[in-house]
Amino acid sequence: MGENETVTKKNILEAGKNEFLEKGFRGASLRNIVKNAGVTTGAFYGYYKSKEELFDALVGEPAEKFMEKFVEAQNTFAELPPEVQPDHMGKISGDCIDWMIDYIYDNKDAFKLILCCSAGTKYENFVHDIVEIEVEATYDFIKVLKSMGHKVRNIDPQLIHIIASGMFSGFFEIVIHDMEYDRAVEYVRILKDFHTSGWKEIMEL
């Protein structure tokens, strides 16, 4: 790609980002995007086939990497020997959440788009998908505890979903409310401690 093409693509991405942040995906106008990028509609289609593809270009890579890291943390915990899992409860996921904060603040606009502007795209269920992964992992951990003879309260997946949803809805408030990094780190630390203690109480660990 030549220098002019690189600049044009950068201008389209910047114009698209600003339009999506202001109006959300559904309300964003392709006409405004090409106007603010200083290109024709025909030129736009030389880079992106649709408004959807442009949105994906802005958020796809950060969303994928974030989800991969989250799933990796769940798998790492699940692969621990059952007898050591209780002692590692909250540690691996806690380290992952610390990584998430840094990654979010390295890609703030992308996550603002995902969390606040993605209705109508494949990213609109981003938080829900994370919660569902957390629910499955938590239920698997409960089964491990029961297999080792722990007297864990009967907790159905719906309640786990409610608790996990509360955790991640709270976590992503740092993006929704444009929280400063240091404040976000402190808030999330408290949130992690709160939920870890709560789960230990529920699981009687």
N, C-alpha and C. Protein backbone atom coordinates (compact mmCIF):
# COMPACT_ATOMS: atom_id res chain seq x y z
N MET A 1 0.85 -1.19 0.00
CA MET A 1 0.00 0.00 0.00
C MET A 1 0.88 1.24 0.00
N GLY A 2 0.62 2.15 -0.95
CA GLY A 2 1.41 3.37 -1.06
C GLY A 2 1.11 4.35 0.06
N GLU A 3 1.94 5.41 0.12
CA GLU A 3 1.79 6.38 1.20
C GLU A 3 0.43 7.06 1.16
N ASN A 4 -0.02 7.43 -0.04
CA ASN A 4 -1.33 8.08 -0.16
C ASN A 4 -2.46 7.17 0.29
N GLU A 5 -2.37 5.92 -0.09
CA GLU A 5 -3.39 4.96 0.31
C GLU A 5 -3.39 4.75 1.82
N THR A 6 -2.20 4.73 2.40
CA THR A 6 -2.09 4.57 3.86
C THR A 6 -2.74 5.74 4.58
N VAL A 7 -2.48 6.95 4.07
CA VAL A 7 -3.08 8.15 4.67
C VAL A 7 -4.59 8.14 4.51
N THR A 8 -5.05 7.76 3.34
CA THR A 8 -6.50 7.70 3.09
C THR A 8 -7.17 6.71 4.02
N LYS A 9 -6.58 5.54 4.15
CA LYS A 9 -7.15 4.52 5.04
C LYS A 9 -7.19 5.02 6.48
N LYS A 10 -6.12 5.68 6.90
CA LYS A 10 -6.06 6.23 8.25
C LYS A 10 -7.16 7.28 8.45
N ASN A 11 -7.38 8.11 7.45
CA ASN A 11 -8.42 9.13 7.54
C ASN A 11 -9.81 8.51 7.64
N ILE A 12 -10.04 7.45 6.88
CA ILE A 12 -11.34 6.76 6.93
C ILE A 12 -11.56 6.15 8.31
N LEU A 13 -10.53 5.51 8.84
CA LEU A 13 -10.65 4.89 10.16
C LEU A 13 -10.93 5.95 11.23
N GLU A 14 -10.23 7.06 11.15
CA GLU A 14 -10.41 8.13 12.13
C GLU A 14 -11.81 8.74 12.03
N ALA A 15 -12.25 8.96 10.81
CA ALA A 15 -13.59 9.53 10.61
C ALA A 15 -14.66 8.54 11.07
N GLY A 16 -14.45 7.27 10.78
CA GLY A 16 -15.40 6.25 11.22
C GLY A 16 -15.45 6.14 12.72
N LYS A 17 -14.29 6.14 13.34
CA LYS A 17 -14.24 6.07 14.81
C LYS A 17 -15.00 7.21 15.44
N ASN A 18 -14.77 8.42 14.97
CA ASN A 18 -15.44 9.58 15.54
C ASN A 18 -16.96 9.54 15.33
N GLU A 19 -17.36 9.10 14.15
CA GLU A 19 -18.80 9.02 13.85
C GLU A 19 -19.47 7.95 14.71
N PHE A 20 -18.84 6.80 14.85
CA PHE A 20 -19.40 5.73 15.68
C PHE A 20 -19.45 6.14 17.15
N LEU A 21 -18.40 6.79 17.63
CA LEU A 21 -18.38 7.21 19.03
C LEU A 21 -19.48 8.24 19.31
N GLU A 22 -19.74 9.08 18.35
CA GLU A 22 -20.75 10.13 18.54
C GLU A 22 -22.17 9.60 18.42
N LYS A 23 -22.40 8.71 17.46
CA LYS A 23 -23.77 8.32 17.13
C LYS A 23 -24.08 6.84 17.31
N GLY A 24 -23.07 6.03 17.65
CA GLY A 24 -23.28 4.60 17.71
C GLY A 24 -23.29 4.02 16.31
N PHE A 25 -23.16 2.69 16.22
CA PHE A 25 -23.09 2.07 14.90
C PHE A 25 -24.36 2.32 14.09
N ARG A 26 -25.51 2.10 14.72
CA ARG A 26 -26.77 2.23 13.98
C ARG A 26 -27.01 3.65 13.49
N GLY A 27 -26.66 4.62 14.31
CA GLY A 27 -26.93 6.01 13.94
C GLY A 27 -25.86 6.62 13.06
N ALA A 28 -24.74 5.94 12.92
CA ALA A 28 -23.64 6.50 12.13
C ALA A 28 -24.00 6.59 10.66
N SER A 29 -23.57 7.66 10.04
CA SER A 29 -23.87 7.91 8.63
C SER A 29 -22.62 7.68 7.78
N LEU A 30 -22.75 6.79 6.82
CA LEU A 30 -21.63 6.56 5.92
C LEU A 30 -21.32 7.82 5.13
N ARG A 31 -22.35 8.59 4.82
CA ARG A 31 -22.15 9.85 4.11
C ARG A 31 -21.25 10.78 4.91
N ASN A 32 -21.51 10.87 6.23
CA ASN A 32 -20.67 11.72 7.07
C ASN A 32 -19.25 11.20 7.17
N ILE A 33 -19.12 9.88 7.24
CA ILE A 33 -17.79 9.28 7.37
C ILE A 33 -16.93 9.62 6.16
N VAL A 34 -17.48 9.43 4.96
CA VAL A 34 -16.67 9.70 3.76
C VAL A 34 -16.41 11.20 3.61
N LYS A 35 -17.38 12.02 4.00
CA LYS A 35 -17.18 13.47 3.93
C LYS A 35 -16.05 13.90 4.86
N ASN A 36 -16.10 13.43 6.11
CA ASN A 36 -15.08 13.83 7.09
C ASN A 36 -13.72 13.21 6.80
N ALA A 37 -13.72 12.09 6.08
CA ALA A 37 -12.46 11.47 5.69
C ALA A 37 -11.86 12.14 4.46
N GLY A 38 -12.69 12.95 3.78
CA GLY A 38 -12.21 13.64 2.57
C GLY A 38 -12.09 12.72 1.38
N VAL A 39 -12.98 11.70 1.31
CA VAL A 39 -12.95 10.77 0.19
C VAL A 39 -14.35 10.65 -0.41
N THR A 40 -14.43 10.05 -1.58
CA THR A 40 -15.73 9.78 -2.18
C THR A 40 -16.25 8.43 -1.67
N THR A 41 -17.55 8.22 -1.84
CA THR A 41 -18.12 6.93 -1.44
C THR A 41 -17.46 5.79 -2.21
N GLY A 42 -17.20 6.02 -3.48
CA GLY A 42 -16.53 4.99 -4.28
C GLY A 42 -15.14 4.67 -3.75
N ALA A 43 -14.42 5.70 -3.34
CA ALA A 43 -13.09 5.48 -2.76
C ALA A 43 -13.19 4.69 -1.46
N PHE A 44 -14.21 5.01 -0.66
CA PHE A 44 -14.41 4.28 0.60
C PHE A 44 -14.55 2.79 0.34
N TYR A 45 -15.35 2.44 -0.66
CA TYR A 45 -15.59 1.02 -0.95
C TYR A 45 -14.35 0.33 -1.50
N GLY A 46 -13.36 1.09 -1.86
CA GLY A 46 -12.10 0.48 -2.25
C GLY A 46 -11.32 -0.05 -1.05
N TYR A 47 -11.71 0.42 0.15
CA TYR A 47 -11.04 -0.02 1.39
C TYR A 47 -11.94 -0.93 2.23
N TYR A 48 -13.21 -0.58 2.32
CA TYR A 48 -14.14 -1.35 3.14
C TYR A 48 -15.45 -1.57 2.38
N LYS A 49 -15.98 -2.76 2.49
CA LYS A 49 -17.18 -3.12 1.74
C LYS A 49 -18.45 -2.55 2.35
N SER A 50 -18.38 -2.18 3.64
CA SER A 50 -19.59 -1.73 4.32
C SER A 50 -19.23 -1.00 5.60
N LYS A 51 -20.24 -0.40 6.20
CA LYS A 51 -20.07 0.24 7.50
C LYS A 51 -19.68 -0.81 8.54
N GLU A 52 -20.26 -2.01 8.40
CA GLU A 52 -19.94 -3.11 9.34
C GLU A 52 -18.47 -3.48 9.27
N GLU A 53 -17.94 -3.54 8.06
CA GLU A 53 -16.54 -3.92 7.90
C GLU A 53 -15.62 -2.85 8.48
N LEU A 54 -16.00 -1.60 8.35
CA LEU A 54 -15.22 -0.52 8.94
C LEU A 54 -15.22 -0.62 10.46
N PHE A 55 -16.38 -0.88 11.03
CA PHE A 55 -16.46 -1.02 12.49
C PHE A 55 -15.58 -2.19 12.95
N ASP A 56 -15.64 -3.28 12.21
CA ASP A 56 -14.83 -4.45 12.54
C ASP A 56 -13.34 -4.12 12.47
N ALA A 57 -12.96 -3.31 11.51
CA ALA A 57 -11.55 -2.92 11.39
C ALA A 57 -11.08 -2.13 12.60
N LEU A 58 -11.99 -1.40 13.22
CA LEU A 58 -11.65 -0.58 14.38
C LEU A 58 -11.57 -1.38 15.67
N VAL A 59 -12.37 -2.44 15.79
CA VAL A 59 -12.47 -3.13 17.09
C VAL A 59 -12.13 -4.62 17.04
N GLY A 60 -12.06 -5.20 15.86
CA GLY A 60 -11.94 -6.65 15.76
C GLY A 60 -10.73 -7.24 16.45
N GLU A 61 -9.57 -6.69 16.19
CA GLU A 61 -8.35 -7.25 16.77
C GLU A 61 -8.31 -7.11 18.30
N PRO A 62 -8.60 -5.94 18.86
CA PRO A 62 -8.62 -5.84 20.33
C PRO A 62 -9.66 -6.75 20.97
N ALA A 63 -10.84 -6.85 20.36
CA ALA A 63 -11.89 -7.72 20.92
C ALA A 63 -11.44 -9.17 20.92
N GLU A 64 -10.82 -9.60 19.83
CA GLU A 64 -10.37 -10.99 19.72
C GLU A 64 -9.27 -11.30 20.72
N LYS A 65 -8.30 -10.41 20.82
CA LYS A 65 -7.19 -10.65 21.76
C LYS A 65 -7.67 -10.66 23.20
N PHE A 66 -8.59 -9.76 23.53
CA PHE A 66 -9.16 -9.70 24.87
C PHE A 66 -9.85 -11.01 25.21
N MET A 67 -10.68 -11.49 24.29
CA MET A 67 -11.42 -12.72 24.53
C MET A 67 -10.49 -13.92 24.63
N GLU A 68 -9.47 -13.95 23.79
CA GLU A 68 -8.51 -15.05 23.82
C GLU A 68 -7.79 -15.12 25.17
N LYS A 69 -7.41 -13.97 25.68
CA LYS A 69 -6.71 -13.92 26.98
C LYS A 69 -7.64 -14.39 28.09
N PHE A 70 -8.89 -13.99 28.03
CA PHE A 70 -9.86 -14.39 29.05
C PHE A 70 -10.08 -15.90 29.03
N VAL A 71 -10.27 -16.46 27.85
CA VAL A 71 -10.47 -17.90 27.72
C VAL A 71 -9.21 -18.66 28.16
N GLU A 72 -8.06 -18.13 27.83
CA GLU A 72 -6.79 -18.76 28.23
C GLU A 72 -6.69 -18.85 29.75
N ALA A 73 -7.09 -17.79 30.45
CA ALA A 73 -7.05 -17.80 31.91
C ALA A 73 -8.00 -18.86 32.48
N GLN A 74 -9.18 -18.97 31.89
CA GLN A 74 -10.14 -19.99 32.35
C GLN A 74 -9.58 -21.39 32.13
N ASN A 75 -8.98 -21.60 30.97
CA ASN A 75 -8.43 -22.93 30.66
C ASN A 75 -7.24 -23.26 31.56
N THR A 76 -6.41 -22.26 31.84
CA THR A 76 -5.25 -22.48 32.71
C THR A 76 -5.70 -22.93 34.09
N PHE A 77 -6.73 -22.29 34.61
CA PHE A 77 -7.25 -22.69 35.92
C PHE A 77 -7.85 -24.10 35.86
N ALA A 78 -8.63 -24.38 34.83
CA ALA A 78 -9.31 -25.67 34.72
C ALA A 78 -8.31 -26.82 34.58
N GLU A 79 -7.13 -26.53 34.03
CA GLU A 79 -6.13 -27.58 33.83
C GLU A 79 -5.30 -27.85 35.07
N LEU A 80 -5.47 -27.05 36.12
CA LEU A 80 -4.77 -27.32 37.37
C LEU A 80 -5.32 -28.61 37.99
N PRO A 81 -4.48 -29.35 38.73
CA PRO A 81 -5.01 -30.53 39.43
C PRO A 81 -6.15 -30.11 40.36
N PRO A 82 -7.20 -30.91 40.44
CA PRO A 82 -8.36 -30.54 41.27
C PRO A 82 -8.01 -30.14 42.70
N GLU A 83 -7.03 -30.83 43.26
CA GLU A 83 -6.72 -30.58 44.67
C GLU A 83 -6.08 -29.21 44.91
N VAL A 84 -5.52 -28.60 43.87
CA VAL A 84 -4.90 -27.29 44.07
C VAL A 84 -5.78 -26.14 43.57
N GLN A 85 -6.86 -26.46 42.89
CA GLN A 85 -7.72 -25.40 42.36
C GLN A 85 -8.26 -24.47 43.45
N PRO A 86 -8.74 -25.00 44.59
CA PRO A 86 -9.27 -24.08 45.62
C PRO A 86 -8.25 -23.05 46.09
N ASP A 87 -6.97 -23.44 46.19
CA ASP A 87 -5.95 -22.50 46.65
C ASP A 87 -5.62 -21.43 45.61
N HIS A 88 -5.96 -21.71 44.36
CA HIS A 88 -5.69 -20.76 43.28
C HIS A 88 -6.92 -19.96 42.89
N MET A 89 -7.99 -20.13 43.61
CA MET A 89 -9.22 -19.43 43.29
C MET A 89 -8.99 -17.91 43.33
N GLY A 90 -9.29 -17.26 42.26
CA GLY A 90 -9.15 -15.81 42.19
C GLY A 90 -7.78 -15.31 41.77
N LYS A 91 -6.76 -16.19 41.81
CA LYS A 91 -5.40 -15.73 41.51
C LYS A 91 -5.17 -15.61 40.00
N ILE A 92 -5.47 -16.68 39.26
CA ILE A 92 -5.26 -16.64 37.82
C ILE A 92 -6.21 -15.64 37.16
N SER A 93 -7.47 -15.69 37.57
CA SER A 93 -8.44 -14.75 37.01
C SER A 93 -8.10 -13.32 37.40
N GLY A 94 -7.58 -13.15 38.63
CA GLY A 94 -7.19 -11.82 39.08
C GLY A 94 -6.05 -11.25 38.27
N ASP A 95 -5.06 -12.09 37.96
CA ASP A 95 -3.96 -11.64 37.11
C ASP A 95 -4.46 -11.29 35.71
N CYS A 96 -5.42 -12.08 35.23
CA CYS A 96 -5.99 -11.82 33.91
C CYS A 96 -6.72 -10.47 33.90
N ILE A 97 -7.46 -10.19 34.95
CA ILE A 97 -8.18 -8.92 35.02
C ILE A 97 -7.21 -7.75 35.06
N ASP A 98 -6.10 -7.91 35.76
CA ASP A 98 -5.08 -6.85 35.77
C ASP A 98 -4.57 -6.60 34.35
N TRP A 99 -4.34 -7.70 33.61
CA TRP A 99 -3.92 -7.56 32.22
C TRP A 99 -5.00 -6.85 31.40
N MET A 100 -6.25 -7.22 31.65
CA MET A 100 -7.38 -6.62 30.92
C MET A 100 -7.41 -5.10 31.08
N ILE A 101 -7.19 -4.64 32.29
CA ILE A 101 -7.21 -3.20 32.53
C ILE A 101 -6.16 -2.52 31.67
N ASP A 102 -4.93 -3.03 31.70
CA ASP A 102 -3.86 -2.42 30.92
C ASP A 102 -4.17 -2.47 29.42
N TYR A 103 -4.71 -3.59 28.98
CA TYR A 103 -5.01 -3.73 27.56
C TYR A 103 -6.13 -2.78 27.14
N ILE A 104 -7.12 -2.65 27.98
CA ILE A 104 -8.21 -1.71 27.69
C ILE A 104 -7.67 -0.30 27.56
N TYR A 105 -6.80 0.11 28.48
CA TYR A 105 -6.29 1.49 28.46
C TYR A 105 -5.28 1.71 27.33
N ASP A 106 -4.75 0.63 26.77
CA ASP A 106 -3.92 0.75 25.58
C ASP A 106 -4.78 0.82 24.31
N ASN A 107 -6.08 0.47 24.45
CA ASN A 107 -6.99 0.44 23.30
C ASN A 107 -8.34 1.05 23.70
N LYS A 108 -8.28 2.22 24.32
CA LYS A 108 -9.48 2.81 24.93
C LYS A 108 -10.61 3.06 23.94
N ASP A 109 -10.28 3.60 22.78
CA ASP A 109 -11.34 3.91 21.81
C ASP A 109 -12.03 2.65 21.32
N ALA A 110 -11.26 1.60 21.09
CA ALA A 110 -11.85 0.34 20.61
C ALA A 110 -12.85 -0.21 21.62
N PHE A 111 -12.49 -0.18 22.89
CA PHE A 111 -13.39 -0.74 23.90
C PHE A 111 -14.57 0.18 24.19
N LYS A 112 -14.38 1.46 24.02
CA LYS A 112 -15.51 2.39 24.11
C LYS A 112 -16.52 2.08 23.01
N LEU A 113 -16.01 1.80 21.81
CA LEU A 113 -16.88 1.45 20.70
C LEU A 113 -17.61 0.14 20.97
N ILE A 114 -16.89 -0.86 21.46
CA ILE A 114 -17.49 -2.17 21.73
C ILE A 114 -18.59 -2.07 22.79
N LEU A 115 -18.30 -1.35 23.85
CA LEU A 115 -19.20 -1.34 25.01
C LEU A 115 -20.34 -0.35 24.89
N CYS A 116 -20.14 0.73 24.14
CA CYS A 116 -21.13 1.80 24.11
C CYS A 116 -21.76 2.05 22.74
N CYS A 117 -21.16 1.53 21.69
CA CYS A 117 -21.59 1.93 20.34
C CYS A 117 -21.82 0.76 19.40
N SER A 118 -21.84 -0.47 19.90
CA SER A 118 -21.82 -1.63 19.00
C SER A 118 -23.18 -2.26 18.73
N ALA A 119 -24.28 -1.68 19.24
CA ALA A 119 -25.61 -2.25 18.96
C ALA A 119 -25.82 -2.32 17.46
N GLY A 120 -26.21 -3.51 16.99
CA GLY A 120 -26.39 -3.71 15.56
C GLY A 120 -25.21 -4.39 14.90
N THR A 121 -24.16 -4.68 15.68
CA THR A 121 -22.99 -5.39 15.16
C THR A 121 -22.84 -6.71 15.90
N LYS A 122 -21.88 -7.51 15.45
CA LYS A 122 -21.63 -8.80 16.09
C LYS A 122 -20.98 -8.64 17.47
N TYR A 123 -20.62 -7.41 17.81
CA TYR A 123 -19.97 -7.16 19.10
C TYR A 123 -20.95 -6.73 20.19
N GLU A 124 -22.23 -6.62 19.86
CA GLU A 124 -23.17 -6.07 20.84
C GLU A 124 -23.37 -7.00 22.04
N ASN A 125 -23.02 -8.28 21.92
CA ASN A 125 -23.15 -9.21 23.03
C ASN A 125 -21.80 -9.54 23.66
N PHE A 126 -20.86 -8.66 23.49
CA PHE A 126 -19.49 -8.90 23.96
C PHE A 126 -19.45 -9.23 25.45
N VAL A 127 -20.09 -8.43 26.26
CA VAL A 127 -20.08 -8.65 27.71
C VAL A 127 -20.85 -9.92 28.05
N HIS A 128 -21.99 -10.12 27.41
CA HIS A 128 -22.79 -11.32 27.65
C HIS A 128 -21.97 -12.58 27.34
N ASP A 129 -21.22 -12.56 26.26
CA ASP A 129 -20.40 -13.73 25.89
C ASP A 129 -19.35 -14.02 26.96
N ILE A 130 -18.74 -12.97 27.50
CA ILE A 130 -17.76 -13.15 28.57
C ILE A 130 -18.42 -13.75 29.80
N VAL A 131 -19.59 -13.23 30.12
CA VAL A 131 -20.32 -13.74 31.29
C VAL A 131 -20.65 -15.22 31.12
N GLU A 132 -21.06 -15.62 29.93
CA GLU A 132 -21.41 -17.02 29.70
C GLU A 132 -20.20 -17.93 29.86
N ILE A 133 -19.04 -17.47 29.42
CA ILE A 133 -17.81 -18.25 29.61
C ILE A 133 -17.50 -18.37 31.10
N GLU A 134 -17.67 -17.28 31.82
CA GLU A 134 -17.43 -17.27 33.27
C GLU A 134 -18.40 -18.20 33.99
N VAL A 135 -19.64 -18.21 33.56
CA VAL A 135 -20.65 -19.09 34.17
C VAL A 135 -20.25 -20.55 34.01
N GLU A 136 -19.88 -20.92 32.80
CA GLU A 136 -19.50 -22.31 32.54
C GLU A 136 -18.28 -22.71 33.36
N ALA A 137 -17.29 -21.82 33.43
CA ALA A 137 -16.07 -22.12 34.18
C ALA A 137 -16.36 -22.24 35.67
N THR A 138 -17.22 -21.38 36.19
CA THR A 138 -17.58 -21.43 37.60
C THR A 138 -18.34 -22.71 37.94
N TYR A 139 -19.25 -23.08 37.06
CA TYR A 139 -20.02 -24.31 37.29
C TYR A 139 -19.10 -25.53 37.26
N ASP A 140 -18.11 -25.51 36.37
CA ASP A 140 -17.14 -26.62 36.32
C ASP A 140 -16.34 -26.67 37.61
N PHE A 141 -15.97 -25.52 38.15
CA PHE A 141 -15.22 -25.49 39.41
C PHE A 141 -16.06 -26.03 40.56
N ILE A 142 -17.32 -25.70 40.57
CA ILE A 142 -18.22 -26.22 41.61
C ILE A 142 -18.29 -27.74 41.53
N LYS A 143 -18.34 -28.28 40.32
CA LYS A 143 -18.37 -29.73 40.15
C LYS A 143 -17.07 -30.37 40.66
N VAL A 144 -15.94 -29.69 40.43
CA VAL A 144 -14.66 -30.18 40.93
C VAL A 144 -14.68 -30.21 42.46
N LEU A 145 -15.18 -29.15 43.08
CA LEU A 145 -15.25 -29.11 44.54
C LEU A 145 -16.12 -30.24 45.08
N LYS A 146 -17.25 -30.45 44.46
CA LYS A 146 -18.16 -31.53 44.91
C LYS A 146 -17.51 -32.89 44.75
N SER A 147 -16.75 -33.07 43.66
CA SER A 147 -16.09 -34.36 43.43
C SER A 147 -15.05 -34.67 44.49
N MET A 148 -14.54 -33.60 45.15
CA MET A 148 -13.54 -33.78 46.20
C MET A 148 -14.18 -33.83 47.59
N GLY A 149 -15.50 -33.80 47.62
CA GLY A 149 -16.20 -33.93 48.90
C GLY A 149 -16.54 -32.64 49.59
N HIS A 150 -16.29 -31.50 48.95
CA HIS A 150 -16.66 -30.22 49.55
C HIS A 150 -18.18 -30.09 49.57
N LYS A 151 -18.70 -29.58 50.65
CA LYS A 151 -20.14 -29.37 50.76
C LYS A 151 -20.49 -27.98 50.23
N VAL A 152 -20.63 -27.91 48.93
CA VAL A 152 -20.94 -26.65 48.27
C VAL A 152 -22.45 -26.49 48.16
N ARG A 153 -22.93 -25.30 48.44
CA ARG A 153 -24.36 -25.05 48.30
C ARG A 153 -24.81 -25.32 46.87
N ASN A 154 -26.04 -25.71 46.71
CA ASN A 154 -26.59 -25.90 45.38
C ASN A 154 -26.81 -24.52 44.74
N ILE A 155 -26.06 -24.26 43.70
CA ILE A 155 -26.14 -22.98 43.01
C ILE A 155 -26.46 -23.27 41.55
N ASP A 156 -27.58 -22.77 41.07
CA ASP A 156 -27.93 -23.06 39.68
C ASP A 156 -27.25 -22.06 38.75
N PRO A 157 -27.13 -22.42 37.47
CA PRO A 157 -26.43 -21.55 36.50
C PRO A 157 -27.02 -20.15 36.40
N GLN A 158 -28.31 -20.01 36.64
CA GLN A 158 -28.93 -18.69 36.53
C GLN A 158 -28.39 -17.74 37.60
N LEU A 159 -28.22 -18.26 38.83
CA LEU A 159 -27.66 -17.43 39.89
C LEU A 159 -26.20 -17.10 39.59
N ILE A 160 -25.46 -18.09 39.10
CA ILE A 160 -24.07 -17.84 38.72
C ILE A 160 -24.01 -16.75 37.66
N HIS A 161 -24.94 -16.80 36.71
CA HIS A 161 -25.00 -15.79 35.66
C HIS A 161 -25.23 -14.40 36.25
N ILE A 162 -26.14 -14.30 37.20
CA ILE A 162 -26.44 -13.00 37.82
C ILE A 162 -25.20 -12.43 38.51
N ILE A 163 -24.49 -13.30 39.24
CA ILE A 163 -23.30 -12.84 39.97
C ILE A 163 -22.19 -12.45 39.00
N ALA A 164 -21.97 -13.31 37.99
CA ALA A 164 -20.92 -13.02 37.01
C ALA A 164 -21.25 -11.76 36.21
N SER A 165 -22.52 -11.59 35.90
CA SER A 165 -22.94 -10.40 35.17
C SER A 165 -22.67 -9.14 36.00
N GLY A 166 -22.93 -9.23 37.29
CA GLY A 166 -22.64 -8.11 38.18
C GLY A 166 -21.17 -7.76 38.20
N MET A 167 -20.34 -8.80 38.21
CA MET A 167 -18.89 -8.60 38.23
C MET A 167 -18.42 -7.87 36.96
N PHE A 168 -18.80 -8.38 35.81
CA PHE A 168 -18.28 -7.81 34.58
C PHE A 168 -18.97 -6.51 34.18
N SER A 169 -20.22 -6.37 34.54
CA SER A 169 -20.87 -5.08 34.32
C SER A 169 -20.15 -4.00 35.12
N GLY A 170 -19.80 -4.35 36.37
CA GLY A 170 -19.05 -3.42 37.21
C GLY A 170 -17.67 -3.15 36.65
N PHE A 171 -17.01 -4.20 36.19
CA PHE A 171 -15.66 -4.04 35.64
C PHE A 171 -15.65 -3.07 34.46
N PHE A 172 -16.58 -3.23 33.55
CA PHE A 172 -16.57 -2.41 32.34
C PHE A 172 -17.08 -0.99 32.56
N GLU A 173 -17.54 -0.70 33.76
CA GLU A 173 -17.89 0.69 34.09
C GLU A 173 -16.68 1.61 33.94
N ILE A 174 -15.49 1.05 34.10
CA ILE A 174 -14.29 1.88 33.98
C ILE A 174 -14.17 2.48 32.58
N VAL A 175 -14.70 1.76 31.59
CA VAL A 175 -14.69 2.25 30.22
C VAL A 175 -15.87 3.18 29.97
N ILE A 176 -17.03 2.72 30.39
CA ILE A 176 -18.26 3.47 30.12
C ILE A 176 -18.20 4.87 30.71
N HIS A 177 -17.57 4.99 31.89
CA HIS A 177 -17.49 6.29 32.56
C HIS A 177 -16.14 6.98 32.39
N ASP A 178 -15.35 6.50 31.42
CA ASP A 178 -14.06 7.16 31.10
C ASP A 178 -13.21 7.40 32.34
N MET A 179 -13.08 6.39 33.16
CA MET A 179 -12.36 6.52 34.42
C MET A 179 -10.86 6.65 34.18
N GLU A 180 -10.22 7.49 34.97
CA GLU A 180 -8.76 7.59 34.91
C GLU A 180 -8.13 6.26 35.31
N TYR A 181 -6.97 5.97 34.73
CA TYR A 181 -6.34 4.66 34.91
C TYR A 181 -6.13 4.30 36.38
N ASP A 182 -5.50 5.18 37.15
CA ASP A 182 -5.19 4.85 38.55
C ASP A 182 -6.46 4.59 39.35
N ARG A 183 -7.48 5.36 39.09
CA ARG A 183 -8.74 5.16 39.78
C ARG A 183 -9.37 3.83 39.37
N ALA A 184 -9.27 3.51 38.10
CA ALA A 184 -9.81 2.25 37.60
C ALA A 184 -9.12 1.05 38.26
N VAL A 185 -7.82 1.12 38.37
CA VAL A 185 -7.06 0.03 38.99
C VAL A 185 -7.53 -0.19 40.43
N GLU A 186 -7.71 0.88 41.17
CA GLU A 186 -8.14 0.77 42.55
C GLU A 186 -9.57 0.23 42.66
N TYR A 187 -10.46 0.72 41.82
CA TYR A 187 -11.84 0.26 41.85
C TYR A 187 -11.93 -1.23 41.51
N VAL A 188 -11.19 -1.64 40.51
CA VAL A 188 -11.23 -3.04 40.09
C VAL A 188 -10.62 -3.94 41.16
N ARG A 189 -9.59 -3.45 41.83
CA ARG A 189 -9.00 -4.23 42.93
C ARG A 189 -10.06 -4.51 44.00
N ILE A 190 -10.80 -3.49 44.37
CA ILE A 190 -11.86 -3.65 45.36
C ILE A 190 -12.95 -4.60 44.85
N LEU A 191 -13.29 -4.45 43.58
CA LEU A 191 -14.31 -5.30 42.98
C LEU A 191 -13.88 -6.76 42.98
N LYS A 192 -12.60 -7.02 42.65
CA LYS A 192 -12.08 -8.39 42.68
C LYS A 192 -12.15 -8.96 44.09
N ASP A 193 -11.70 -8.20 45.07
CA ASP A 193 -11.72 -8.67 46.45
C ASP A 193 -13.14 -8.98 46.91
N PHE A 194 -14.06 -8.12 46.54
CA PHE A 194 -15.46 -8.28 46.92
C PHE A 194 -16.04 -9.58 46.37
N HIS A 195 -15.82 -9.81 45.07
CA HIS A 195 -16.39 -11.00 44.44
C HIS A 195 -15.67 -12.28 44.88
N THR A 196 -14.35 -12.22 45.06
CA THR A 196 -13.64 -13.41 45.52
C THR A 196 -14.11 -13.81 46.91
N SER A 197 -14.24 -12.83 47.80
CA SER A 197 -14.73 -13.12 49.16
C SER A 197 -16.16 -13.65 49.12
N GLY A 198 -16.97 -13.07 48.26
CA GLY A 198 -18.34 -13.52 48.14
C GLY A 198 -18.44 -14.95 47.66
N TRP A 199 -17.64 -15.31 46.65
CA TRP A 199 -17.66 -16.68 46.15
C TRP A 199 -17.14 -17.66 47.19
N LYS A 200 -16.12 -17.26 47.95
CA LYS A 200 -15.62 -18.16 48.99
C LYS A 200 -16.69 -18.41 50.06
N GLU A 201 -17.48 -17.39 50.34
CA GLU A 201 -18.57 -17.56 51.29
C GLU A 201 -19.62 -18.50 50.73
N ILE A 202 -20.00 -18.28 49.48
CA ILE A 202 -21.02 -19.12 48.86
C ILE A 202 -20.55 -20.57 48.76
N MET A 203 -19.28 -20.75 48.40
CA MET A 203 -18.74 -22.10 48.22
C MET A 203 -18.22 -22.71 49.50
N GLU A 204 -18.28 -21.92 50.59
CA GLU A 204 -17.85 -22.38 51.91
C GLU A 204 -16.40 -22.85 51.89
N LEU A 205 -15.54 -22.01 51.30
CA LEU A 205 -14.11 -22.34 51.22
C LEU A 205 -13.34 -21.55 52.27
